[in-house]
Amino acid sequence: MEPIVINSPSIANCNLLELRDDIEKLVEGGCKYVHIDLMDGHYVPNLCFPIRIISDVKKAYPNLTVDLHLMVDDPISYISRCRDAGADYFSFHIDSTNFVMRTIDTIKKAGMKPGVVINPSQRIDVMKPYIDLPEMVTLMAVEPGFAGQKFMPRTVGRTLELAKLRKESGNDFLINIDGAINYENLVPCIKNGANVIVTGIFTIFQQPEGIVGACKHFESEVERAYKEGFSEGAY
């Protein structure tokens, strides 16, 4: 595949009282994707966003791609509702179901792009039995469920490990990095084959230059990664 890097800001980091204003600024800053988390309070001990947020975002911004991340038990039971709400990508945690392949197949049949999520404590090759199936694979750089954690440095090496597995498989899925990424670890992840970066309070939100300026800063760092070149095996 050709190298590609996408800024996918997590709207869980928006000021919820100013959510629309913040999304407007993301669009003004050039964002084409937004990351939406759904948490059920069971798979992770936290709650986040009703499914309705998907349809509200898509109604107001039909050209935005919704990168949906489900931290829930029984993800297959959410598929039809998330499809009806307008989700584009539907990513679920591998260990949240005993029926990974059935879930991926159901997502595809619903017209969404399937994604799987690997937690920090899981081996990268856990997805070998179905590596030919997803269109996105998310590497968690923190334990799922809570914002404000520190980026796990081991994620940089795991990104390259996954990229090499992608190249070996011939399935050009997007590699998504989710969790506490900042400008110290952004470029190394990109150089190791990351394609979608879930951005938050360390890159886009709560930055001194504001959301629009932070989006432009992100793009400049992407350009720097391209100029420095990619790691062997990343593509």
Protein backbone atom coordinates (compact mmCIF):
# COMPACT_ATOMS: atom_id res chain seq x y z
CA MET A 1 0.00 0.00 0.00
CA GLU A 2 1.01 3.63 -0.43
CA PRO A 3 1.78 5.52 2.80
CA ILE A 4 -1.17 7.48 4.14
CA VAL A 5 -1.67 9.31 7.45
CA ILE A 6 -5.07 10.43 8.74
CA ASN A 7 -5.84 12.66 11.70
CA SER A 8 -8.83 11.14 13.53
CA PRO A 9 -9.55 13.38 16.55
CA SER A 10 -11.42 11.74 19.40
CA ILE A 11 -14.49 13.81 20.17
CA ALA A 12 -14.46 12.45 23.71
CA ASN A 13 -11.82 15.14 24.23
CA CYS A 14 -14.14 17.94 23.10
CA ASN A 15 -15.77 20.30 25.54
CA LEU A 16 -19.18 18.63 25.56
CA LEU A 17 -20.89 21.97 26.16
CA GLU A 18 -19.20 23.26 22.99
CA LEU A 19 -19.16 20.04 20.97
CA ARG A 20 -20.45 21.50 17.72
CA ASP A 21 -18.07 24.46 17.89
CA ASP A 22 -15.14 22.09 18.44
CA ILE A 23 -16.14 19.87 15.50
CA GLU A 24 -16.49 22.97 13.32
CA LYS A 25 -12.90 23.84 14.22
CA LEU A 26 -11.74 20.32 13.39
CA VAL A 27 -13.35 20.60 9.96
CA GLU A 28 -11.81 24.04 9.49
CA GLY A 29 -8.45 22.51 10.39
CA GLY A 30 -8.83 20.00 7.57
CA CYS A 31 -9.98 16.89 9.44
CA LYS A 32 -11.78 14.29 7.34
CA TYR A 33 -12.25 11.74 10.13
CA VAL A 34 -13.57 11.84 13.69
CA HIS A 35 -13.10 9.10 16.26
CA ILE A 36 -16.15 8.18 18.35
CA ASP A 37 -15.92 5.88 21.39
CA LEU A 38 -18.82 3.80 22.65
CA MET A 39 -18.35 2.28 26.12
CA ASP A 40 -20.91 0.14 27.92
CA GLY A 41 -19.62 0.19 31.51
CA HIS A 42 -18.96 -3.58 31.32
CA TYR A 43 -16.11 -4.24 28.90
CA VAL A 44 -14.51 -1.12 30.39
CA PRO A 45 -15.59 0.47 33.70
CA ASN A 46 -16.73 3.67 32.05
CA LEU A 47 -19.59 5.01 29.92
CA CYS A 48 -19.19 7.14 26.82
CA PHE A 49 -21.63 8.43 24.22
CA PRO A 50 -24.98 7.07 23.10
CA ILE A 51 -25.26 5.66 19.57
CA ARG A 52 -27.27 8.75 18.66
CA ILE A 53 -24.07 10.84 18.60
CA ILE A 54 -23.13 9.06 15.37
CA SER A 55 -26.29 10.07 13.54
CA ASP A 56 -26.13 13.61 14.92
CA VAL A 57 -22.56 14.03 13.67
CA LYS A 58 -23.31 12.49 10.26
CA LYS A 59 -26.41 14.64 9.81
CA ALA A 60 -24.48 17.83 10.53
CA TYR A 61 -21.26 16.76 8.75
CA PRO A 62 -22.11 14.12 6.13
CA ASN A 63 -18.63 14.23 4.61
CA LEU A 64 -16.87 13.30 7.85
CA THR A 65 -15.80 9.66 8.16
CA VAL A 66 -16.85 8.21 11.50
CA ASP A 67 -14.11 6.00 12.94
CA LEU A 68 -16.19 4.13 15.53
CA HIS A 69 -14.49 2.30 18.40
CA LEU A 70 -16.64 0.02 20.53
CA MET A 71 -15.46 -0.91 24.03
CA VAL A 72 -18.43 -3.15 24.73
CA ASP A 73 -19.42 -6.71 25.46
CA ASP A 74 -21.19 -8.51 22.61
CA PRO A 75 -20.27 -6.05 19.81
CA ILE A 76 -22.32 -7.96 17.24
CA SER A 77 -25.51 -6.74 18.93
CA TYR A 78 -24.54 -3.11 18.11
CA ILE A 79 -23.95 -3.57 14.39
CA SER A 80 -27.40 -2.84 12.96
CA ARG A 81 -27.93 0.23 15.15
CA CYS A 82 -24.51 1.69 14.33
CA ARG A 83 -25.10 1.05 10.64
CA ASP A 84 -28.45 2.82 10.81
CA ALA A 85 -26.77 5.72 12.61
CA GLY A 86 -24.26 6.09 9.77
CA ALA A 87 -20.94 4.74 11.12
CA ASP A 88 -18.26 4.16 8.49
CA TYR A 89 -15.70 2.06 10.39
CA PHE A 90 -16.83 -0.33 13.13
CA SER A 91 -13.91 -1.49 15.30
CA PHE A 92 -14.28 -3.92 18.20
CA HIS A 93 -11.90 -5.53 20.66
CA ILE A 94 -10.76 -9.03 19.78
CA ASP A 95 -11.29 -10.28 23.32
CA SER A 96 -14.83 -8.90 23.59
CA THR A 97 -16.34 -11.82 21.65
CA ASN A 98 -15.73 -15.50 20.96
CA PHE A 99 -16.90 -14.97 17.38
CA VAL A 100 -14.44 -12.57 15.77
CA MET A 101 -14.87 -13.82 12.20
CA ARG A 102 -18.67 -13.88 12.46
CA THR A 103 -18.63 -10.33 13.80
CA ILE A 104 -16.37 -9.10 10.98
CA ASP A 105 -18.59 -10.80 8.39
CA THR A 106 -21.73 -9.24 9.91
CA ILE A 107 -20.12 -5.78 9.85
CA LYS A 108 -19.25 -6.18 6.17
CA LYS A 109 -22.73 -7.37 5.28
CA ALA A 110 -24.13 -4.30 7.08
CA GLY A 111 -22.10 -2.08 4.75
CA MET A 112 -19.52 -0.83 7.24
CA LYS A 113 -15.76 -1.31 7.22
CA PRO A 114 -14.70 -3.80 9.91
CA GLY A 115 -11.88 -3.14 12.32
CA VAL A 116 -10.36 -5.09 15.20
CA VAL A 117 -8.62 -3.68 18.27
CA ILE A 118 -5.56 -5.13 20.01
CA ASN A 119 -4.96 -4.25 23.67
CA PRO A 120 -1.45 -3.53 25.03
CA SER A 121 -1.30 -6.89 26.82
CA GLN A 122 -2.13 -8.88 23.69
CA ARG A 123 0.35 -10.25 21.18
CA ILE A 124 0.29 -8.74 17.71
CA ASP A 125 -0.01 -12.15 16.06
CA VAL A 126 -3.26 -12.83 17.94
CA MET A 127 -5.03 -11.74 14.75
CA LYS A 128 -3.21 -14.12 12.40
CA PRO A 129 -6.20 -16.46 12.00
CA TYR A 130 -8.24 -13.63 10.43
CA ILE A 131 -5.60 -11.17 9.24
CA ASP A 132 -7.12 -11.21 5.75
CA LEU A 133 -10.47 -9.87 6.97
CA PRO A 134 -10.31 -6.41 8.66
CA GLU A 135 -9.96 -3.07 6.90
CA MET A 136 -8.49 -1.45 10.01
CA VAL A 137 -6.47 -2.75 12.94
CA THR A 138 -6.21 -0.53 16.01
CA LEU A 139 -3.30 -0.77 18.41
CA MET A 140 -4.18 0.55 21.84
CA ALA A 141 -1.31 2.62 23.23
CA VAL A 142 -3.03 2.76 26.64
CA GLU A 143 -5.37 0.44 28.48
CA PRO A 144 -8.85 1.02 27.07
CA GLY A 145 -11.53 2.98 28.84
CA PHE A 146 -10.03 6.18 30.24
CA ALA A 147 -8.52 9.36 28.84
CA GLY A 148 -5.44 11.03 30.33
CA GLN A 149 -3.18 7.97 30.54
CA LYS A 150 0.44 7.98 29.35
CA PHE A 151 1.41 6.60 25.95
CA MET A 152 3.09 3.18 26.22
CA PRO A 153 6.45 3.48 24.40
CA ARG A 154 6.34 -0.19 23.38
CA THR A 155 3.57 0.78 20.95
CA VAL A 156 6.17 2.20 18.55
CA GLY A 157 7.82 -1.19 18.06
CA ARG A 158 4.47 -2.97 18.00
CA THR A 159 3.40 -0.69 15.16
CA LEU A 160 6.27 -1.89 12.99
CA GLU A 161 5.59 -5.51 13.98
CA LEU A 162 2.00 -5.11 12.82
CA ALA A 163 3.08 -3.32 9.63
CA LYS A 164 5.37 -6.21 8.73
CA LEU A 165 2.54 -8.65 9.36
CA ARG A 166 0.31 -6.53 7.09
CA LYS A 167 2.88 -6.60 4.32
CA GLU A 168 3.32 -10.35 4.69
CA SER A 169 -0.45 -10.95 4.57
CA GLY A 170 -1.13 -8.84 1.48
CA ASN A 171 -4.18 -7.29 3.18
CA ASP A 172 -3.65 -3.52 3.12
CA PHE A 173 -5.59 -2.68 6.28
CA LEU A 174 -5.13 0.68 7.95
CA ILE A 175 -3.11 0.70 11.17
CA ASN A 176 -4.80 2.91 13.75
CA ILE A 177 -2.94 4.08 16.89
CA ASP A 178 -5.24 4.98 19.77
CA GLY A 179 -4.23 6.44 23.11
CA ALA A 180 -2.30 9.44 24.45
CA ILE A 181 -0.17 10.03 21.36
CA ASN A 182 1.93 13.21 21.47
CA TYR A 183 4.47 14.87 19.23
CA GLU A 184 7.34 12.88 20.72
CA ASN A 185 5.92 9.54 19.60
CA LEU A 186 3.80 10.60 16.61
CA VAL A 187 6.59 10.65 14.01
CA PRO A 188 8.12 7.29 15.09
CA CYS A 189 4.69 5.62 14.81
CA ILE A 190 4.13 7.11 11.35
CA LYS A 191 7.57 6.01 10.19
CA ASN A 192 6.76 2.49 11.42
CA GLY A 193 3.60 2.27 9.30
CA ALA A 194 0.78 3.91 11.26
CA ASN A 195 -1.99 5.35 9.06
CA VAL A 196 -4.73 6.62 11.37
CA ILE A 197 -3.83 8.57 14.49
CA VAL A 198 -6.47 9.03 17.16
CA THR A 199 -5.56 12.48 18.45
CA GLY A 200 -6.53 13.96 21.78
CA ILE A 201 -5.41 16.34 24.50
CA PHE A 202 -1.69 15.91 23.76
CA THR A 203 -1.93 16.94 20.10
CA ILE A 204 -5.21 18.63 19.07
CA PHE A 205 -7.28 19.65 22.07
CA GLN A 206 -6.22 22.03 24.85
CA GLN A 207 -3.26 23.21 22.77
CA PRO A 208 -2.04 26.83 22.97
CA GLU A 209 -2.51 27.34 19.22
CA GLY A 210 -6.15 26.24 19.38
CA ILE A 211 -7.79 23.36 17.51
CA VAL A 212 -7.29 24.74 14.00
CA GLY A 213 -3.64 25.57 14.65
CA ALA A 214 -3.07 22.19 16.29
CA CYS A 215 -4.47 20.41 13.21
CA LYS A 216 -1.99 22.32 11.04
CA HIS A 217 0.80 21.40 13.47
CA PHE A 218 -0.19 17.74 13.12
CA GLU A 219 0.08 17.97 9.33
CA SER A 220 3.53 19.54 9.57
CA GLU A 221 4.69 16.63 11.72
CA VAL A 222 3.29 14.19 9.14
CA GLU A 223 5.30 15.98 6.46
CA ARG A 224 8.41 15.67 8.63
CA ALA A 225 7.88 11.92 8.96
CA TYR A 226 7.57 11.59 5.18
CA LYS A 227 10.80 13.53 4.66
CA GLU A 228 12.71 11.44 7.19
CA GLY A 229 11.54 8.23 5.50
CA PHE A 230 9.84 5.05 6.61
CA SER A 231 11.29 2.13 8.53
CA GLU A 232 12.21 -0.98 6.60
CA GLY A 233 9.18 -3.25 6.45
CA ALA A 234 6.65 -0.51 7.18
CA TYR A 235 5.29 -0.67 3.60
